[in-house]
Amino acid sequence: MSNEIRILIAEDEEITRENLTHVLSRDGYTVDAAPDGESAVELLRENQYDVVLTDLRMKQVDGMGVLAAAKGLQPETEVIMLTGFATVETAVQAMEQGAYHYLAKPYKLDELRAIVRKALEKNAMARELNELRLRAADSDIPQIVGQSPAITSLREHIAQVAPVSSNVLILGETGTGKELVARAIHHLSPRHNQRFMAVNCAGFTENLLANELFGHEKEAFTGAGNLKKGLLEQADGGTFFLDEIGDMPLSMQTKFLRTLEHKTLIRLGGNREIAVDLRFIAATNRDMTQAVEEGEFRRDLFYRLNVITIHMPTLAERREDIELLARFFLHKHAASMGKAVTDIAPEVLAILDNYEYPGNVRELENIVESSLVMCTGSVLQVTHLPLDLQQRSHWMTRECHGPTEPVTLQENEKQYITWVLEKTGGNKTHAAQILGIDRASLWRKLKRLGIEA
């Protein structure tokens, strides 16, 4: 597949057309130029374009006609309108019909080039989203969403380690997608037709974990009426993923080490060694070097698991992926909820881009999902976000557009409490919870600040 970027220029002024062609070609783009709207529409029928720049006023087929043709023939293509007769009405009309940007002549070439780059970024995002949606039809294919250098490097690392059978240790904070990476490694490995088995080592007591992993013989203990194959045995030939390996009890680590070293297991209550062919992938959010030094994790087991190490980037380290992830989760959950929500307001994207995400990608997905529950239109708005993020919007707006002179602490407190009450519909119990005070304290503040109850 070619990485060539193609741009179409529809401009009836020859000098302007030639200048634009020269500037954009020099930037490395493949440029086709049409002297009128009719020729531009013909080129749209024949070729795929990433961006179209079109003059608004042209004979027969004008810029609005080129815009309509582009959106009809190539919906993902971004269209930038250029005109020396800019009006609010035509700008609004063009944006409503799908134009990416409306630029009035005379414009600065650097400004136009920057807009083209932004349009190409949006175009690339739309194409990746479509590819992800197509892949989503097969739920077995893991989807690692992102275009950032950190994610590009992660994909390359996965592709390198997947074909071999070496054990892998995935390190990263909660919510960064460690299991997703483990599934991707399995999917790209020679074992992809066999089972992928996952177990959370922190989710069981020691005895239950041993029983789940190794299984038991008939009458191995009270209540064991039948033989039970453990998860390790059931996954024979495939990939076994141990999540939160850092929380595995020490005595369990000793039992598991034998399986890892000898590729055999013994069921509880049994004495026969059973061979298993497994590739092990483990993950943890703990500092494993520290855990080994403090005697909380066996050094030999750590070295056995840590043949290949993958470090997961936090969402804060890949902020350029936030919008793509948010749109991916929007489509995913809107489809499952049966909602016709197709877009995210720019104000929402600004809030999401400035949030810290202690819960990483998982937290972003939860934010989008909970916001969709509250959304009744086709666009996700600030009012649909969780209240703590709405508060961020309030103070971000004040910082950008608020009074130039600072207000007193009392006035600031009054404005904030009034805003929270508005957002909670006057529900004082809910407002007090958000403010972190009890209801009686809120009543006293309302009285002291002169806020109508």
Protein backbone atom coordinates (compact mmCIF):
# COMPACT_ATOMS: atom_id res chain seq x y z
CA MET A 1 0.00 0.00 0.00
CA SER A 2 1.41 3.40 -1.03
CA ASN A 3 2.07 6.11 1.53
CA GLU A 4 1.65 8.77 -1.17
CA ILE A 5 -0.47 11.76 -0.09
CA ARG A 6 -2.60 13.17 -2.91
CA ILE A 7 -4.08 16.65 -2.96
CA LEU A 8 -6.54 18.09 -5.50
CA ILE A 9 -6.67 21.84 -6.21
CA ALA A 10 -9.74 23.31 -7.91
CA GLU A 11 -8.94 26.94 -8.80
CA ASP A 12 -9.87 28.99 -11.88
CA GLU A 13 -7.18 31.65 -11.33
CA GLU A 14 -4.12 30.31 -13.13
CA ILE A 15 -1.49 32.13 -11.03
CA THR A 16 -3.09 31.04 -7.74
CA ARG A 17 -3.44 27.47 -9.03
CA GLU A 18 0.22 27.31 -10.07
CA ASN A 19 1.44 28.83 -6.79
CA LEU A 20 -0.54 26.37 -4.70
CA THR A 21 0.68 23.46 -6.82
CA HIS A 22 4.30 24.58 -6.45
CA VAL A 23 4.11 25.11 -2.67
CA LEU A 24 2.33 21.84 -1.87
CA SER A 25 4.47 19.80 -4.28
CA ARG A 26 7.55 21.20 -2.56
CA ASP A 27 6.12 19.89 0.75
CA GLY A 28 6.23 16.37 -0.68
CA TYR A 29 2.58 15.92 -1.72
CA THR A 30 1.37 14.62 -5.08
CA VAL A 31 -0.77 17.46 -6.46
CA ASP A 32 -3.37 17.46 -9.23
CA ALA A 33 -4.73 20.84 -10.33
CA ALA A 34 -8.06 21.49 -12.05
CA PRO A 35 -8.93 24.83 -13.76
CA ASP A 36 -12.64 24.51 -12.95
CA GLY A 37 -15.18 22.59 -10.88
CA GLU A 38 -16.16 20.20 -13.68
CA SER A 39 -12.58 19.01 -14.17
CA ALA A 40 -12.18 18.63 -10.39
CA VAL A 41 -15.25 16.39 -10.16
CA GLU A 42 -13.91 14.22 -13.01
CA LEU A 43 -10.59 13.84 -11.18
CA LEU A 44 -12.47 12.88 -8.01
CA ARG A 45 -14.18 10.10 -9.97
CA GLU A 46 -10.84 8.80 -11.22
CA ASN A 47 -8.51 9.19 -8.22
CA GLN A 48 -8.46 8.93 -4.43
CA TYR A 49 -7.51 12.18 -2.65
CA ASP A 50 -6.64 12.94 0.94
CA VAL A 51 -7.38 16.67 0.75
CA VAL A 52 -9.21 18.90 -1.72
CA LEU A 53 -8.62 22.68 -1.88
CA THR A 54 -11.33 24.42 -3.87
CA ASP A 55 -12.16 27.98 -4.76
CA LEU A 56 -15.74 28.86 -3.88
CA ARG A 57 -16.69 30.94 -6.94
CA MET A 58 -16.21 29.08 -10.22
CA LYS A 59 -18.38 28.88 -13.34
CA GLN A 60 -20.86 26.02 -13.83
CA VAL A 61 -19.67 23.81 -10.94
CA ASP A 62 -18.67 26.00 -8.00
CA GLY A 63 -16.83 25.14 -4.76
CA MET A 64 -20.00 23.91 -3.06
CA GLY A 65 -20.50 21.53 -5.99
CA VAL A 66 -16.93 20.24 -5.64
CA LEU A 67 -17.52 19.82 -1.88
CA ALA A 68 -20.71 17.83 -2.50
CA ALA A 69 -18.98 15.61 -5.08
CA ALA A 70 -15.99 15.00 -2.82
CA LYS A 71 -18.16 14.01 0.15
CA GLY A 72 -20.34 11.85 -2.06
CA LEU A 73 -17.50 10.03 -3.80
CA GLN A 74 -14.85 10.02 -1.04
CA PRO A 75 -16.42 10.71 2.39
CA GLU A 76 -13.07 10.58 4.21
CA THR A 77 -11.50 13.26 2.00
CA GLU A 78 -11.16 16.62 3.76
CA VAL A 79 -12.20 19.72 1.81
CA ILE A 80 -10.78 23.20 2.40
CA MET A 81 -12.74 26.10 0.89
CA LEU A 82 -10.86 29.13 -0.49
CA THR A 83 -12.60 32.37 -1.40
CA GLY A 84 -12.13 36.09 -1.78
CA PHE A 85 -15.83 36.65 -1.00
CA ALA A 86 -16.06 35.32 2.53
CA THR A 87 -19.34 35.72 4.38
CA VAL A 88 -20.60 34.18 7.58
CA GLU A 89 -23.52 32.58 5.71
CA THR A 90 -21.38 30.78 3.13
CA ALA A 91 -18.86 29.70 5.78
CA VAL A 92 -21.63 28.19 7.92
CA GLN A 93 -23.18 26.51 4.87
CA ALA A 94 -19.85 25.01 3.82
CA MET A 95 -19.10 23.68 7.32
CA GLU A 96 -22.60 22.21 7.63
CA GLN A 97 -22.06 20.32 4.37
CA GLY A 98 -18.80 18.81 5.60
CA ALA A 99 -16.01 21.25 4.74
CA TYR A 100 -12.98 20.93 7.00
CA HIS A 101 -12.04 24.62 6.91
CA TYR A 102 -13.03 27.90 5.27
CA LEU A 103 -10.12 30.21 4.37
CA ALA A 104 -10.60 33.77 3.14
CA LYS A 105 -8.33 35.30 0.51
CA PRO A 106 -5.76 36.74 0.77
CA TYR A 107 -4.29 34.09 3.07
CA LYS A 108 -0.77 33.39 4.24
CA LEU A 109 0.78 30.31 2.63
CA ASP A 110 2.17 29.12 5.96
CA GLU A 111 -1.36 29.31 7.40
CA LEU A 112 -2.73 27.26 4.49
CA ARG A 113 0.06 24.69 4.82
CA ALA A 114 -0.69 24.31 8.54
CA ILE A 115 -4.39 23.77 7.80
CA VAL A 116 -3.52 21.16 5.16
CA ARG A 117 -1.36 19.30 7.72
CA LYS A 118 -4.22 19.34 10.25
CA ALA A 119 -6.65 18.10 7.60
CA LEU A 120 -4.27 15.26 6.74
CA GLU A 121 -4.04 14.30 10.42
CA LYS A 122 -7.84 14.12 10.60
CA ASN A 123 -7.94 12.15 7.35
CA ALA A 124 -5.39 9.64 8.66
CA MET A 125 -7.39 9.29 11.88
CA ALA A 126 -10.60 8.64 9.94
CA ARG A 127 -8.91 5.97 7.84
CA GLU A 128 -7.46 4.24 10.90
CA LEU A 129 -10.86 4.32 12.60
CA ASN A 130 -12.45 2.70 9.56
CA GLU A 131 -9.76 0.04 9.53
CA LEU A 132 -10.33 -0.60 13.23
CA ARG A 133 -14.07 -0.87 12.68
CA LEU A 134 -13.55 -3.44 9.94
CA ARG A 135 -11.23 -5.43 12.19
CA ALA A 136 -13.72 -5.16 15.05
CA ALA A 137 -16.00 -7.48 13.08
CA ASP A 138 -13.58 -10.23 14.12
CA SER A 139 -13.56 -10.00 17.92
CA ASP A 140 -10.55 -12.34 18.12
CA ILE A 141 -8.24 -9.73 16.57
CA PRO A 142 -6.73 -7.47 19.26
CA GLN A 143 -6.91 -3.78 18.41
CA ILE A 144 -4.04 -1.62 19.62
CA VAL A 145 -5.30 1.86 18.80
CA GLY A 146 -2.89 4.73 18.25
CA GLN A 147 -0.57 6.59 15.88
CA SER A 148 1.95 7.94 18.43
CA PRO A 149 5.65 7.00 18.30
CA ALA A 150 5.21 5.07 21.58
CA ILE A 151 2.46 2.88 20.09
CA THR A 152 4.24 2.50 16.74
CA SER A 153 7.31 1.25 18.64
CA LEU A 154 5.11 -1.07 20.74
CA ARG A 155 3.57 -2.63 17.61
CA GLU A 156 7.04 -3.19 16.15
CA HIS A 157 8.18 -4.84 19.39
CA ILE A 158 5.13 -7.13 19.40
CA ALA A 159 5.80 -8.15 15.79
CA GLN A 160 9.41 -9.03 16.70
CA VAL A 161 8.65 -11.17 19.76
CA ALA A 162 5.46 -12.88 18.57
CA PRO A 163 7.05 -15.54 16.30
CA VAL A 164 9.39 -16.94 18.99
CA SER A 165 8.40 -19.03 22.02
CA SER A 166 10.35 -17.08 24.65
CA ASN A 167 8.55 -16.01 27.82
CA VAL A 168 7.48 -12.36 27.99
CA LEU A 169 7.08 -10.00 30.96
CA ILE A 170 4.84 -6.96 30.34
CA LEU A 171 5.36 -4.08 32.74
CA GLY A 172 3.05 -1.09 33.03
CA GLU A 173 0.55 0.87 35.08
CA THR A 174 -3.04 -0.28 35.58
CA GLY A 175 -5.23 0.40 32.56
CA THR A 176 -2.45 0.63 29.95
CA GLY A 177 -3.58 -2.48 28.05
CA LYS A 178 -1.21 -5.23 29.17
CA GLU A 179 -3.63 -8.07 28.43
CA LEU A 180 -4.39 -6.56 25.02
CA VAL A 181 -0.70 -6.77 24.16
CA ALA A 182 -0.52 -10.35 25.42
CA ARG A 183 -3.43 -11.29 23.15
CA ALA A 184 -1.77 -9.51 20.22
CA ILE A 185 1.43 -11.51 20.76
CA HIS A 186 -0.60 -14.74 20.80
CA HIS A 187 -2.58 -13.74 17.70
CA LEU A 188 0.63 -13.12 15.71
CA SER A 189 2.39 -16.24 16.98
CA PRO A 190 2.51 -19.76 15.50
CA ARG A 191 0.19 -20.76 18.40
CA HIS A 192 -2.66 -18.50 17.24
CA ASN A 193 -4.90 -21.47 16.40
CA GLN A 194 -4.53 -22.81 19.95
CA ARG A 195 -6.04 -21.47 23.18
CA PHE A 196 -5.16 -18.20 24.86
CA MET A 197 -5.79 -18.69 28.58
CA ALA A 198 -5.68 -15.80 31.06
CA VAL A 199 -5.72 -15.88 34.85
CA ASN A 200 -5.47 -13.03 37.36
CA CYS A 201 -3.06 -14.10 40.09
CA ALA A 202 -4.49 -11.49 42.47
CA GLY A 203 -8.04 -12.75 42.05
CA PHE A 204 -7.67 -16.04 43.98
CA THR A 205 -6.53 -17.27 47.36
CA GLU A 206 -3.43 -19.47 47.26
CA ASN A 207 -5.36 -22.76 47.46
CA LEU A 208 -7.89 -21.71 44.85
CA LEU A 209 -5.14 -20.50 42.50
CA ALA A 210 -3.31 -23.84 42.81
CA ASN A 211 -6.53 -25.70 42.07
CA GLU A 212 -7.32 -23.45 39.07
CA LEU A 213 -3.84 -23.75 37.59
CA PHE A 214 -3.01 -27.42 38.25
CA GLY A 215 -6.41 -29.05 38.68
CA HIS A 216 -6.95 -32.04 40.97
CA GLU A 217 -7.39 -35.79 40.97
CA LYS A 218 -10.63 -37.42 41.99
CA GLU A 219 -11.04 -37.37 45.81
CA ALA A 220 -7.89 -35.24 46.22
CA PHE A 221 -9.78 -33.38 48.97
CA THR A 222 -13.25 -33.25 50.47
CA GLY A 223 -15.72 -32.36 47.74
CA ALA A 224 -13.44 -33.37 44.86
CA GLY A 225 -15.84 -35.94 43.43
CA ASN A 226 -14.38 -35.86 39.92
CA LEU A 227 -11.04 -35.34 38.22
CA LYS A 228 -10.50 -31.74 37.16
CA LYS A 229 -8.00 -30.57 34.55
CA GLY A 230 -6.41 -27.25 35.52
CA LEU A 231 -6.15 -24.22 33.28
CA LEU A 232 -2.52 -24.99 32.44
CA GLU A 233 -3.46 -28.41 31.15
CA GLN A 234 -6.47 -27.07 29.26
CA ALA A 235 -4.27 -24.51 27.47
CA ASP A 236 -1.73 -27.12 26.30
CA GLY A 237 -0.22 -26.02 22.97
CA GLY A 238 -1.30 -22.42 23.39
CA THR A 239 -0.39 -19.26 25.31
CA PHE A 240 -0.87 -18.78 29.04
CA PHE A 241 -1.20 -15.24 30.39
CA LEU A 242 -0.60 -14.60 34.10
CA ASP A 243 -1.91 -11.14 34.98
CA GLU A 244 -0.72 -9.46 38.19
CA ILE A 245 2.08 -12.01 38.51
CA GLY A 246 3.68 -9.79 41.16
CA ASP A 247 0.83 -10.69 43.53
CA MET A 248 1.33 -14.46 43.30
CA PRO A 249 2.00 -15.90 46.82
CA LEU A 250 5.58 -17.06 47.44
CA SER A 251 4.68 -20.71 48.04
CA MET A 252 2.67 -20.68 44.81
CA GLN A 253 5.68 -19.19 42.99
CA THR A 254 7.71 -22.27 43.98
CA LYS A 255 5.08 -24.64 42.53
CA PHE A 256 4.73 -22.61 39.37
CA LEU A 257 8.51 -22.40 38.82
CA ARG A 258 8.65 -26.19 38.37
CA THR A 259 6.11 -26.04 35.56
CA LEU A 260 7.96 -23.14 33.96
CA GLU A 261 11.33 -24.96 34.08
CA HIS A 262 10.28 -28.51 33.20
CA LYS A 263 7.06 -27.91 31.21
CA THR A 264 5.28 -30.43 33.40
CA LEU A 265 2.64 -30.27 36.14
CA ILE A 266 1.21 -32.51 38.83
CA ARG A 267 -2.47 -32.27 39.68
CA LEU A 268 -3.40 -31.74 43.34
CA GLY A 269 -3.65 -35.15 45.00
CA GLY A 270 -1.70 -36.80 42.19
CA ASN A 271 1.86 -38.02 41.64
CA ARG A 272 2.03 -38.32 37.86
CA GLU A 273 3.84 -35.65 35.87
CA ILE A 274 1.85 -34.34 32.92
CA ALA A 275 3.70 -32.63 30.06
CA VAL A 276 2.40 -29.27 28.86
CA ASP A 277 3.60 -27.20 25.91
CA LEU A 278 2.91 -23.56 26.73
CA ARG A 279 4.25 -20.11 26.04
CA PHE A 280 4.04 -17.93 29.14
CA ILE A 281 3.32 -14.22 29.17
CA ALA A 282 3.14 -12.45 32.52
CA ALA A 283 2.17 -8.89 33.43
CA THR A 284 2.35 -6.67 36.48
CA ASN A 285 2.11 -3.05 37.56
CA ARG A 286 4.62 -3.64 40.38
CA ASP A 287 8.32 -2.76 40.43
CA MET A 288 9.57 -6.34 40.10
CA THR A 289 13.22 -5.51 40.78
CA GLN A 290 12.19 -4.03 44.12
CA ALA A 291 9.91 -7.00 44.85
CA VAL A 292 12.84 -9.38 44.26
CA GLU A 293 15.18 -7.32 46.44
CA GLU A 294 12.62 -7.27 49.26
CA GLY A 295 12.14 -11.04 49.07
CA GLU A 296 8.53 -10.81 47.89
CA PHE A 297 9.21 -12.48 44.55
CA ARG A 298 11.55 -15.33 43.71
CA ARG A 299 14.63 -14.18 41.83
CA ASP A 300 14.85 -17.39 39.76
CA LEU A 301 11.20 -17.14 38.74
CA PHE A 302 11.66 -13.50 37.81
CA TYR A 303 14.58 -14.36 35.51
CA ARG A 304 12.64 -17.23 33.96
CA LEU A 305 9.72 -14.93 33.11
CA ASN A 306 11.77 -11.89 32.17
CA VAL A 307 13.32 -13.26 28.98
CA ILE A 308 11.69 -10.51 26.90
CA THR A 309 10.43 -7.33 28.56
CA ILE A 310 7.76 -5.02 27.16
CA HIS A 311 7.19 -1.66 28.83
CA MET A 312 3.69 -0.21 28.38
CA PRO A 313 3.47 3.57 27.85
CA THR A 314 1.04 5.50 30.02
CA LEU A 315 -1.67 7.51 28.29
CA ALA A 316 0.13 10.67 29.43
CA GLU A 317 3.13 9.50 27.37
CA ARG A 318 0.99 9.16 24.23
CA ARG A 319 -1.36 12.15 24.43
CA GLU A 320 -1.52 12.42 20.64
CA ASP A 321 -3.59 9.20 20.71
CA ILE A 322 -6.31 10.56 23.03
CA GLU A 323 -8.65 11.83 20.30
CA LEU A 324 -8.30 8.67 18.20
CA LEU A 325 -8.95 6.49 21.26
CA ALA A 326 -11.93 8.61 22.31
CA ARG A 327 -13.49 8.34 18.85
CA PHE A 328 -12.81 4.60 18.73
CA PHE A 329 -14.52 4.09 22.11
CA LEU A 330 -17.37 6.38 21.01
CA HIS A 331 -18.10 4.18 18.00
CA LYS A 332 -17.65 0.97 19.97
CA HIS A 333 -20.02 1.83 22.81
CA ALA A 334 -22.53 3.85 20.75
CA ALA A 335 -23.01 0.74 18.58
CA SER A 336 -23.50 -1.52 21.60
CA MET A 337 -25.97 0.95 23.18
CA GLY A 338 -27.86 1.46 19.93
CA LYS A 339 -27.17 5.21 19.99
CA ALA A 340 -26.63 7.39 16.90
CA VAL A 341 -23.81 9.43 18.45
CA THR A 342 -21.25 10.12 15.73
CA ASP A 343 -19.06 13.01 16.91
CA ILE A 344 -17.35 14.66 19.88
CA ALA A 345 -17.56 18.41 20.48
CA PRO A 346 -14.22 20.29 20.29
CA GLU A 347 -14.71 21.49 23.89
CA VAL A 348 -14.93 17.86 25.06
CA LEU A 349 -11.78 16.94 23.16
CA ALA A 350 -9.97 19.88 24.80
CA ILE A 351 -10.98 18.63 28.27
CA LEU A 352 -9.98 15.05 27.47
CA ASP A 353 -6.64 16.21 26.09
CA ASN A 354 -5.81 18.11 29.30
CA TYR A 355 -6.82 15.39 31.77
CA GLU A 356 -4.12 13.41 33.64
CA TYR A 357 -5.67 9.87 33.38
CA PRO A 358 -4.42 8.09 36.51
CA GLY A 359 -6.37 5.09 35.18
CA ASN A 360 -4.84 5.39 31.69
CA VAL A 361 -6.66 4.06 28.60
CA ARG A 362 -9.18 2.12 30.69
CA GLU A 363 -10.23 5.34 32.42
CA LEU A 364 -10.64 7.15 29.09
CA GLU A 365 -12.89 4.34 27.85
CA ASN A 366 -14.96 4.53 31.04
CA ILE A 367 -15.34 8.31 30.63
CA VAL A 368 -16.56 7.95 27.03
CA GLU A 369 -18.92 5.09 27.91
CA SER A 370 -20.50 6.91 30.89
CA SER A 371 -20.83 10.12 28.82
CA LEU A 372 -22.65 8.20 26.07
CA VAL A 373 -25.23 7.05 28.61
CA MET A 374 -26.11 10.73 29.22
CA CYS A 375 -26.01 11.76 25.55
CA THR A 376 -29.34 12.14 23.73
CA GLY A 377 -28.16 13.85 20.53
CA SER A 378 -25.63 13.00 17.83
CA VAL A 379 -22.67 14.87 19.37
CA LEU A 380 -21.04 14.25 22.75
CA GLN A 381 -21.11 17.56 24.64
CA VAL A 382 -19.49 18.88 27.83
CA THR A 383 -22.78 18.47 29.72
CA HIS A 384 -22.61 14.71 29.11
CA LEU A 385 -19.22 14.32 30.81
CA PRO A 386 -18.86 13.19 34.45
CA LEU A 387 -19.27 16.17 36.78
CA ASP A 388 -15.62 16.31 37.83
CA LEU A 389 -14.64 16.81 34.18
CA GLN A 390 -17.42 19.37 33.72
CA GLN A 391 -15.86 21.28 36.60
CA ARG A 392 -12.55 21.28 34.74
CA SER A 393 -14.38 22.76 31.75
CA HIS A 394 -15.81 25.51 33.96
CA TRP A 395 -12.44 26.56 35.31
CA MET A 396 -10.65 26.15 31.97
CA THR A 397 -13.24 28.52 30.45
CA ARG A 398 -12.83 31.03 33.29
CA GLU A 399 -9.06 30.93 32.86
CA CYS A 400 -9.36 31.63 29.13
CA HIS A 401 -12.28 34.08 29.11
CA GLY A 402 -12.76 35.20 32.70
CA PRO A 403 -12.24 38.68 34.17
CA THR A 404 -8.78 40.16 33.84
CA GLU A 405 -8.87 41.33 37.45
CA PRO A 406 -8.75 38.63 40.17
CA VAL A 407 -11.79 38.29 42.44
CA THR A 408 -11.84 37.79 46.19
CA LEU A 409 -11.68 34.29 47.63
CA GLN A 410 -15.25 34.67 48.91
CA GLU A 411 -16.55 35.71 45.47
CA ASN A 412 -14.65 32.83 43.86
CA GLU A 413 -16.20 30.37 46.34
CA LYS A 414 -19.66 31.82 45.72
CA GLN A 415 -19.33 31.50 41.94
CA TYR A 416 -18.08 27.93 42.21
CA ILE A 417 -20.82 26.75 44.60
CA THR A 418 -23.47 28.45 42.43
CA TRP A 419 -22.09 26.65 39.36
CA VAL A 420 -22.10 23.23 41.09
CA LEU A 421 -25.71 23.79 42.20
CA GLU A 422 -26.67 24.63 38.62
CA LYS A 423 -25.00 21.46 37.35
CA THR A 424 -26.77 19.29 39.94
CA GLY A 425 -30.15 20.88 39.25
CA GLY A 426 -30.27 22.33 42.75
CA ASN A 427 -29.77 18.95 44.43
CA LYS A 428 -27.95 20.01 47.59
CA THR A 429 -27.08 16.48 48.70
CA HIS A 430 -25.37 15.79 45.38
CA ALA A 431 -23.74 19.24 45.37
CA ALA A 432 -22.37 18.69 48.90
CA GLN A 433 -20.85 15.35 47.78
CA ILE A 434 -19.07 17.04 44.87
CA LEU A 435 -17.84 19.85 47.10
CA GLY A 436 -16.55 17.32 49.63
CA ILE A 437 -18.60 18.68 52.54
CA ASP A 438 -21.70 17.55 54.41
CA ARG A 439 -25.15 18.96 53.71
CA ALA A 440 -25.20 21.04 56.92
CA SER A 441 -21.92 22.73 55.98
CA LEU A 442 -23.31 23.52 52.53
CA TRP A 443 -26.38 25.17 54.10
CA ARG A 444 -24.14 27.35 56.27
CA LYS A 445 -22.05 28.38 53.24
CA LEU A 446 -25.20 29.25 51.26
CA LYS A 447 -26.39 31.46 54.08
CA ARG A 448 -22.97 33.13 54.61
CA LEU A 449 -22.41 33.80 50.90
CA GLY A 450 -25.97 35.00 50.27
CA ILE A 451 -26.83 32.25 47.79
CA GLU A 452 -30.55 31.61 47.48
CA ALA A 453 -31.44 28.17 48.77
